[in-house]
Structure formats: structure tokens, C-alpha cells
């Protein structure tokens, strides 16, 4: 390793170490003000309006996005734009979360004044308890004293990391209180890998099923199996799934196969899955059992079939 590489790694480890230590300090410094902030947001009938200027504004946008995606309606409002008409977005039913490391950011003045004029609850996050922002806030969250990772104290690094972590803590405390489920999470994340992993079996399953009765001769059952093209056949006794026939079952009964009936060839008590299960759970079962398809049942009756290829196409795997 060259000396320059060692220097780069040393800088990276120092920065991360400083910020990690600050996060520990932040966690230990949390008090009843955090509880009050959560309660204030839960009590709001409107949205959480998140605002900040400069680097704090970038963090505010991310916090607002995290709130919105985890069940707490939220919107970022730029403080400068707020002074030119966007204050109309902030209503008496909302709660305002304002970020400013110094607590003295001049661009926030009109937004703060708006909340005081119309009695809109405001939560402030800053590093000084005696700052204008925190003195005006209904709930004040004070960032503990910690050095910026730049070493000069002029580049927002540790402070923005702590603010972001505090926003995440608020969002997840709210999420857990509301018992926000993976199914609800998927509603806000329908696209991408995350949306795919949260897809339900019912979203991917086929409803045109390869099914035959238990007493069907294998000469006819094979035609159904090959015609559907899933490589598996469901065998039903009345409305209930009694078993399945796979390529492996065919090989095991190759001697005299065409003289058998479906019930004599099938594997009984097959592994199945419900339509409301996550598709990722279906993939786990198929990988564990080394199979390529699962019948989907409701109260013992087959209602669908999910194939490993469907999961691949959807991005679940």
C-alpha cells in the first residue's frame, strides 16, 4: 500500500470514527424532549413540514422523505421560497420541524414567525439551547457538542450526521408506534428492488392452473401437465389440493407410468403457500426445497401457482 493510500484510509477512518462517537453521544443525550416531539407529531392532524437552509436543507429533504415513506405525511418547504408565497403550504393542522445548526439562520425568520402567528406547533433542532430557533420552539431538540470531522470546525459533517440520525430516530419511533407494516411500506415503494421484495404472492401467481382429479389416468394427466408448461401438476380431491406431480415423480414411476392414475404417482402433503405471503417467502421455500413452483392455496383449495421464473422477472431474486 502506498503512503498516499494509507493517508486516504486514515482520513476516512478518522472521519467515520469522529462521527460515530458523536452519534453515541447523541443517543445518550436524548431526553423527554424527544418523547414530546414524537407526541406532538402524532397529535398533528396535518403533515410534518420540514425546513432548513443550506446543508440543513439537504438533510431536511431526506428526513421529510423518510417520514413520508414510513407512514407520517411530510413535506419539505424551502425557507427562502416560504418567504415568497410557500408559507401558504403551512397550515394550522401541521407541525413544523426546523433544522439549523446555529439556530440563527436568518432565512428561517419568516417561517418561524408564521408558526408563532398562527399557533402552529414547531419542533426545533439546533446545537444551542439559547438560540433564537430553540427559544421560539414548542419542543427543542439540542444537538450535543461534538467536533466536526473536518478538524477545522467549518465543514458541516458531524453536525449533519447527528441531525440526520435524529430525524431517522423520530421517523422510526413514529413508524413503530403506528405499527407500520411491510405491506403498507410497499404501497409507498412500488418500484425498484425494494418494491419487488415486498410484492405479495397474489401479485405474481398464475390463476390458470394445471389441475387434475385424483382418479385421472396418467395418459390424460400428462397432456394437462405438458399443456400448461409449468413442469408441475396439481392433483385435487374435490376442492382440496391432495398432492402434486413433478418431473421427479414421473421419473420415479417411469416403469408402468401410463398404467397409473394421478393419485398413485403424486407426492402427498406438498409444501404450499398462501396468497397474502410475501413473494420473497415463496422464493425462500422454493430454494430450500430445490423446487421451481409452489401451489398457492386458501383453506386447502388451490387458487394459484407461483413459479421461480415469475419471481426472477419481477426482481424478487
Protein backbone atom coordinates (compact mmCIF):
# COMPACT_ATOMS: atom_id res chain seq x y z
CA UNK A 1 0.00 0.00 0.00
CA UNK A 2 1.39 3.41 -0.97
CA UNK A 3 1.78 6.21 1.54
CA UNK A 4 -0.96 8.24 -0.17
CA UNK A 5 -3.37 5.29 0.04
CA UNK A 6 -2.57 4.92 3.72
CA UNK A 7 -3.26 8.63 4.21
CA UNK A 8 -6.62 8.39 2.44
CA UNK A 9 -7.70 5.42 4.54
CA UNK A 10 -6.50 7.11 7.68
CA UNK A 11 -8.57 10.20 6.89
CA UNK A 12 -11.64 8.10 6.13
CA UNK A 13 -11.35 6.12 9.36
CA UNK A 14 -10.77 9.27 11.39
CA UNK A 15 -13.85 10.97 9.92
CA UNK A 16 -16.08 7.95 10.45
CA UNK A 17 -14.73 7.47 13.97
CA UNK A 18 -15.46 11.08 14.93
CA UNK A 19 -18.98 10.90 13.55
CA UNK A 20 -19.66 7.50 15.15
CA UNK A 21 -18.57 8.83 18.55
CA UNK A 22 -20.88 11.82 18.09
CA UNK A 23 -23.83 9.51 17.38
CA UNK A 24 -23.18 7.66 20.64
CA UNK A 25 -23.15 10.99 22.46
CA UNK A 26 -26.40 11.97 20.74
CA UNK A 27 -28.11 8.73 21.76
CA UNK A 28 -27.07 9.22 25.38
CA UNK A 29 -28.25 12.85 25.35
CA UNK A 30 -31.83 12.08 24.27
CA UNK A 31 -34.39 13.02 26.93
CA UNK A 32 -38.06 13.80 27.40
CA UNK A 33 -37.89 16.44 24.67
CA UNK A 34 -37.60 13.64 22.12
CA UNK A 35 -40.69 11.97 23.59
CA UNK A 36 -42.52 15.30 23.43
CA UNK A 37 -41.54 15.74 19.77
CA UNK A 38 -42.93 12.31 18.88
CA UNK A 39 -46.14 13.08 20.76
CA UNK A 40 -46.50 16.44 19.01
CA UNK A 41 -46.19 14.83 15.58
CA UNK A 42 -48.64 12.06 16.49
CA UNK A 43 -51.12 14.70 17.62
CA UNK A 44 -50.99 16.68 14.38
CA UNK A 45 -53.94 16.26 12.01
CA UNK A 46 -51.91 17.51 9.05
CA UNK A 47 -48.38 16.96 7.81
CA UNK A 48 -44.90 17.42 9.16
CA UNK A 49 -43.41 20.45 7.40
CA UNK A 50 -39.63 20.05 7.45
CA UNK A 51 -37.38 23.01 6.66
CA UNK A 52 -33.76 24.04 6.76
CA UNK A 53 -31.27 26.13 4.80
CA UNK A 54 -28.06 25.05 3.08
CA UNK A 55 -26.71 21.70 4.28
CA UNK A 56 -29.50 21.55 6.85
CA UNK A 57 -31.93 21.90 3.96
CA UNK A 58 -30.49 18.83 2.25
CA UNK A 59 -30.86 16.87 5.49
CA UNK A 60 -34.39 18.23 5.91
CA UNK A 61 -35.37 16.92 2.47
CA UNK A 62 -34.16 13.45 3.38
CA UNK A 63 -35.96 13.49 6.74
CA UNK A 64 -39.19 14.57 5.06
CA UNK A 65 -38.82 11.72 2.55
CA UNK A 66 -38.21 9.20 5.33
CA UNK A 67 -41.27 10.42 7.24
CA UNK A 68 -43.46 10.21 4.15
CA UNK A 69 -42.30 6.69 3.22
CA UNK A 70 -42.91 5.31 6.72
CA UNK A 71 -46.46 6.47 7.31
CA UNK A 72 -46.04 10.06 8.51
CA UNK A 73 -47.24 12.54 5.85
CA UNK A 74 -44.47 15.12 5.39
CA UNK A 75 -43.26 17.81 3.01
CA UNK A 76 -40.09 19.83 2.67
CA UNK A 77 -40.56 23.59 2.41
CA UNK A 78 -37.59 25.72 1.41
CA UNK A 79 -37.33 28.65 3.85
CA UNK A 80 -36.46 31.17 1.16
CA UNK A 81 -39.38 30.08 -1.00
CA UNK A 82 -41.58 30.17 2.09
CA UNK A 83 -40.93 33.92 2.30
CA UNK A 84 -42.24 34.29 -1.25
CA UNK A 85 -45.58 32.53 -1.00
CA UNK A 86 -44.86 28.97 0.11
CA UNK A 87 -45.94 29.83 3.67
CA UNK A 88 -49.39 29.09 2.30
CA UNK A 89 -48.42 25.41 2.37
CA UNK A 90 -48.11 25.52 6.16
CA UNK A 91 -51.47 25.23 7.90
CA UNK A 92 -52.68 25.23 11.49
CA UNK A 93 -53.17 21.45 11.30
CA UNK A 94 -49.49 20.85 10.55
CA UNK A 95 -46.45 20.56 12.78
CA UNK A 96 -43.22 22.22 11.67
CA UNK A 97 -39.76 20.68 12.13
CA UNK A 98 -36.99 23.24 11.61
CA UNK A 99 -33.28 22.41 11.35
CA UNK A 100 -30.45 24.89 11.92
CA UNK A 101 -27.11 24.02 13.49
CA UNK A 102 -26.59 27.55 14.81
CA UNK A 103 -30.26 28.20 15.44
CA UNK A 104 -29.75 31.69 13.99
CA UNK A 105 -30.23 31.11 10.24
CA UNK A 106 -31.79 34.39 9.01
CA UNK A 107 -33.73 32.77 6.15
CA UNK A 108 -35.82 30.91 8.74
CA UNK A 109 -37.18 34.06 10.36
CA UNK A 110 -40.39 34.36 8.34
CA UNK A 111 -41.22 30.67 8.72
CA UNK A 112 -40.68 30.82 12.48
CA UNK A 113 -42.78 33.99 12.71
CA UNK A 114 -45.56 32.29 10.69
CA UNK A 115 -45.74 29.39 13.12
CA UNK A 116 -45.90 31.77 16.10
CA UNK A 117 -48.55 33.98 14.49
CA UNK A 118 -50.91 31.08 13.71
CA UNK A 119 -50.06 28.89 16.74
CA UNK A 120 -48.61 26.12 14.57
CA UNK A 121 -46.61 23.64 16.70
CA UNK A 122 -42.89 23.85 15.99
CA UNK A 123 -40.03 21.49 16.81
CA UNK A 124 -36.55 22.93 16.51
CA UNK A 125 -33.24 21.09 16.13
CA UNK A 126 -30.09 23.13 16.80
CA UNK A 127 -26.84 23.00 18.75
CA UNK A 128 -27.54 25.90 21.15
CA UNK A 129 -30.36 25.82 23.66
CA UNK A 130 -30.32 29.64 23.86
CA UNK A 131 -30.55 30.15 20.08
CA UNK A 132 -33.44 32.05 18.55
CA UNK A 133 -34.83 28.89 16.94
CA UNK A 134 -34.90 26.80 20.09
CA UNK A 135 -36.19 29.65 22.28
CA UNK A 136 -39.12 30.05 19.90
CA UNK A 137 -39.78 26.30 19.53
CA UNK A 138 -42.52 24.45 21.37
CA UNK A 139 -40.16 21.47 21.60
CA UNK A 140 -36.39 21.99 21.48
CA UNK A 141 -34.04 19.17 20.48
CA UNK A 142 -30.49 20.17 21.28
CA UNK A 143 -27.61 18.55 19.41
CA UNK A 144 -24.80 17.72 21.86
CA UNK A 145 -21.43 19.37 21.49
CA UNK A 146 -19.21 17.34 19.15
CA UNK A 147 -16.32 18.31 16.83
CA UNK A 148 -16.88 18.48 13.10
CA UNK A 149 -14.96 15.71 11.36
CA UNK A 150 -13.10 18.18 9.14
CA UNK A 151 -10.86 19.21 12.06
CA UNK A 152 -11.31 22.93 11.33
CA UNK A 153 -14.89 23.20 12.52
CA UNK A 154 -16.09 24.86 9.34
CA UNK A 155 -17.40 21.96 7.23
CA UNK A 156 -20.80 20.56 8.33
CA UNK A 157 -20.04 16.87 8.79
CA UNK A 158 -20.62 15.58 12.31
CA UNK A 159 -23.46 18.05 12.85
CA UNK A 160 -25.36 17.00 9.72
CA UNK A 161 -24.80 13.32 10.55
CA UNK A 162 -26.31 13.82 14.01
CA UNK A 163 -29.25 15.76 12.58
CA UNK A 164 -29.95 13.06 10.02
CA UNK A 165 -29.77 10.34 12.68
CA UNK A 166 -32.14 12.31 14.90
CA UNK A 167 -34.60 12.59 12.02
CA UNK A 168 -34.36 8.84 11.40
CA UNK A 169 -34.97 8.21 15.12
CA UNK A 170 -38.13 10.35 15.01
CA UNK A 171 -39.40 8.65 11.86
CA UNK A 172 -38.87 5.12 13.19
CA UNK A 173 -40.33 5.90 16.61
CA UNK A 174 -43.46 7.12 14.81
CA UNK A 175 -43.44 4.11 12.49
CA UNK A 176 -43.24 1.63 15.36
CA UNK A 177 -45.96 3.43 17.31
CA UNK A 178 -48.25 3.19 14.28
CA UNK A 179 -47.28 -0.49 13.77
CA UNK A 180 -46.44 0.31 10.15
CA UNK A 181 -46.28 -2.98 8.23
CA UNK A 182 -44.19 -4.15 5.26
CA UNK A 183 -47.41 -4.27 3.24
CA UNK A 184 -48.06 -0.59 3.96
CA UNK A 185 -44.42 0.21 3.19
CA UNK A 186 -44.79 -1.36 -0.25
CA UNK A 187 -47.69 0.98 -1.07
CA UNK A 188 -45.18 3.85 -0.99
CA UNK A 189 -42.39 1.84 -2.69
CA UNK A 190 -43.99 0.06 -5.67
CA UNK A 191 -40.91 0.39 -7.88
CA UNK A 192 -37.38 -0.92 -7.80
CA UNK A 193 -35.82 -3.81 -5.91
CA UNK A 194 -37.46 -2.85 -2.62
CA UNK A 195 -40.93 -2.86 -4.16
CA UNK A 196 -40.27 -6.25 -5.72
CA UNK A 197 -39.12 -7.78 -2.45
CA UNK A 198 -42.33 -6.59 -0.79
CA UNK A 199 -44.59 -7.97 -3.53
CA UNK A 200 -47.17 -10.50 -2.42
CA UNK A 201 -47.62 -13.97 -3.86
CA UNK A 202 -51.05 -12.92 -5.17
CA UNK A 203 -49.33 -10.21 -7.26
CA UNK A 204 -47.22 -12.75 -9.18
CA UNK A 205 -49.20 -16.01 -9.14
CA UNK A 206 -50.89 -17.65 -12.13
CA UNK A 207 -54.60 -18.43 -11.89
CA UNK A 208 -54.84 -20.76 -14.94
CA UNK A 209 -53.84 -23.86 -13.02
CA UNK A 210 -52.67 -27.33 -14.12
CA UNK A 211 -55.11 -29.39 -12.05
CA UNK A 212 -56.41 -32.94 -12.44
CA UNK A 213 -58.62 -35.15 -10.23
CA UNK A 214 -57.06 -37.95 -8.21
CA UNK A 215 -58.58 -40.67 -10.38
CA UNK A 216 -57.46 -39.29 -13.75
CA UNK A 217 -55.35 -41.75 -15.77
CA UNK A 218 -51.77 -40.60 -16.25
CA UNK A 219 -52.23 -40.78 -20.02
CA UNK A 220 -54.59 -37.82 -19.72
CA UNK A 221 -52.80 -36.13 -16.80
CA UNK A 222 -49.58 -35.89 -18.79
CA UNK A 223 -51.38 -33.96 -21.50
CA UNK A 224 -52.59 -31.41 -18.93
CA UNK A 225 -49.11 -31.16 -17.40
CA UNK A 226 -47.33 -30.60 -20.71
CA UNK A 227 -50.04 -28.23 -21.97
CA UNK A 228 -49.69 -25.77 -19.08
CA UNK A 229 -45.90 -25.71 -19.22
CA UNK A 230 -45.19 -25.21 -15.50
CA UNK A 231 -43.39 -28.54 -15.02
CA UNK A 232 -45.77 -29.43 -12.18
CA UNK A 233 -49.29 -30.76 -11.88
CA UNK A 234 -51.76 -30.30 -9.03
CA UNK A 235 -53.92 -33.24 -8.03
CA UNK A 236 -57.22 -32.37 -6.38
CA UNK A 237 -59.65 -34.36 -4.32
CA UNK A 238 -62.83 -32.37 -4.63
CA UNK A 239 -61.85 -28.75 -3.96
CA UNK A 240 -58.71 -29.53 -1.96
CA UNK A 241 -55.15 -29.99 -3.16
CA UNK A 242 -54.30 -33.63 -2.42
CA UNK A 243 -50.84 -33.71 -3.97
CA UNK A 244 -48.55 -32.63 -6.78
CA UNK A 245 -46.81 -34.40 -9.62
CA UNK A 246 -43.38 -33.16 -10.68
CA UNK A 247 -40.79 -34.35 -13.17
CA UNK A 248 -39.16 -36.22 -10.30
CA UNK A 249 -42.37 -38.13 -9.60
CA UNK A 250 -42.59 -39.10 -13.27
CA UNK A 251 -39.06 -40.48 -13.24
CA UNK A 252 -39.70 -42.46 -10.06
CA UNK A 253 -42.76 -44.11 -11.63
CA UNK A 254 -41.37 -44.50 -15.13
CA UNK A 255 -41.93 -48.25 -15.06
CA UNK A 256 -45.60 -48.64 -16.00
CA UNK A 257 -46.28 -44.90 -15.69
CA UNK A 258 -49.10 -44.84 -18.22
CA UNK A 259 -50.98 -47.58 -16.38
CA UNK A 260 -51.22 -45.49 -13.19
CA UNK A 261 -53.72 -42.90 -12.04
CA UNK A 262 -52.71 -39.47 -10.73
CA UNK A 263 -53.16 -40.42 -7.07
CA UNK A 264 -50.67 -43.28 -7.45
CA UNK A 265 -47.92 -41.02 -8.79
CA UNK A 266 -48.40 -37.82 -6.83
CA UNK A 267 -46.42 -36.62 -3.83
CA UNK A 268 -48.85 -36.13 -0.97
CA UNK A 269 -48.88 -33.23 1.53
CA UNK A 270 -46.91 -30.88 -0.77
CA UNK A 271 -45.46 -27.62 0.51
CA UNK A 272 -47.79 -24.71 -0.35
CA UNK A 273 -48.07 -21.00 0.37
CA UNK A 274 -50.88 -18.52 0.92
CA UNK A 275 -51.72 -15.67 -1.48
CA UNK A 276 -51.05 -12.99 1.16
CA UNK A 277 -47.49 -14.16 1.87
CA UNK A 278 -44.57 -12.14 0.54
CA UNK A 279 -43.14 -13.37 -2.75
CA UNK A 280 -39.72 -13.39 -1.09
CA UNK A 281 -41.04 -16.05 1.31
CA UNK A 282 -42.11 -18.17 -1.67
CA UNK A 283 -38.61 -17.86 -3.11
CA UNK A 284 -37.10 -18.97 0.20
CA UNK A 285 -39.31 -22.08 0.25
CA UNK A 286 -38.51 -22.97 -3.36
CA UNK A 287 -34.78 -22.55 -2.79
CA UNK A 288 -34.89 -24.60 0.42
CA UNK A 289 -36.86 -27.44 -1.22
CA UNK A 290 -34.97 -27.16 -4.54
CA UNK A 291 -38.24 -26.83 -6.47
CA UNK A 292 -39.31 -24.35 -9.14
CA UNK A 293 -43.01 -23.83 -8.37
CA UNK A 294 -45.42 -23.62 -5.44
CA UNK A 295 -49.15 -24.02 -5.41
CA UNK A 296 -50.97 -21.19 -3.71
CA UNK A 297 -53.85 -22.34 -1.52
CA UNK A 298 -56.59 -20.76 0.52
CA UNK A 299 -58.30 -23.03 3.07
CA UNK A 300 -56.74 -26.03 1.35
CA UNK A 301 -58.07 -25.16 -2.10
CA UNK A 302 -55.63 -24.23 -4.89
CA UNK A 303 -56.11 -20.65 -6.07
CA UNK A 304 -52.84 -20.01 -7.88
CA UNK A 305 -49.32 -21.12 -8.73
CA UNK A 306 -46.12 -19.11 -8.39
CA UNK A 307 -43.03 -20.06 -10.40
CA UNK A 308 -39.42 -19.18 -9.70
CA UNK A 309 -39.22 -17.55 -13.15
CA UNK A 310 -42.02 -15.14 -12.20
CA UNK A 311 -40.01 -14.08 -9.17
CA UNK A 312 -36.90 -13.61 -11.31
CA UNK A 313 -38.75 -11.43 -13.81
CA UNK A 314 -40.26 -9.31 -11.03
CA UNK A 315 -36.84 -8.72 -9.45
CA UNK A 316 -37.60 -10.55 -6.21
CA UNK A 317 -34.38 -12.54 -6.61
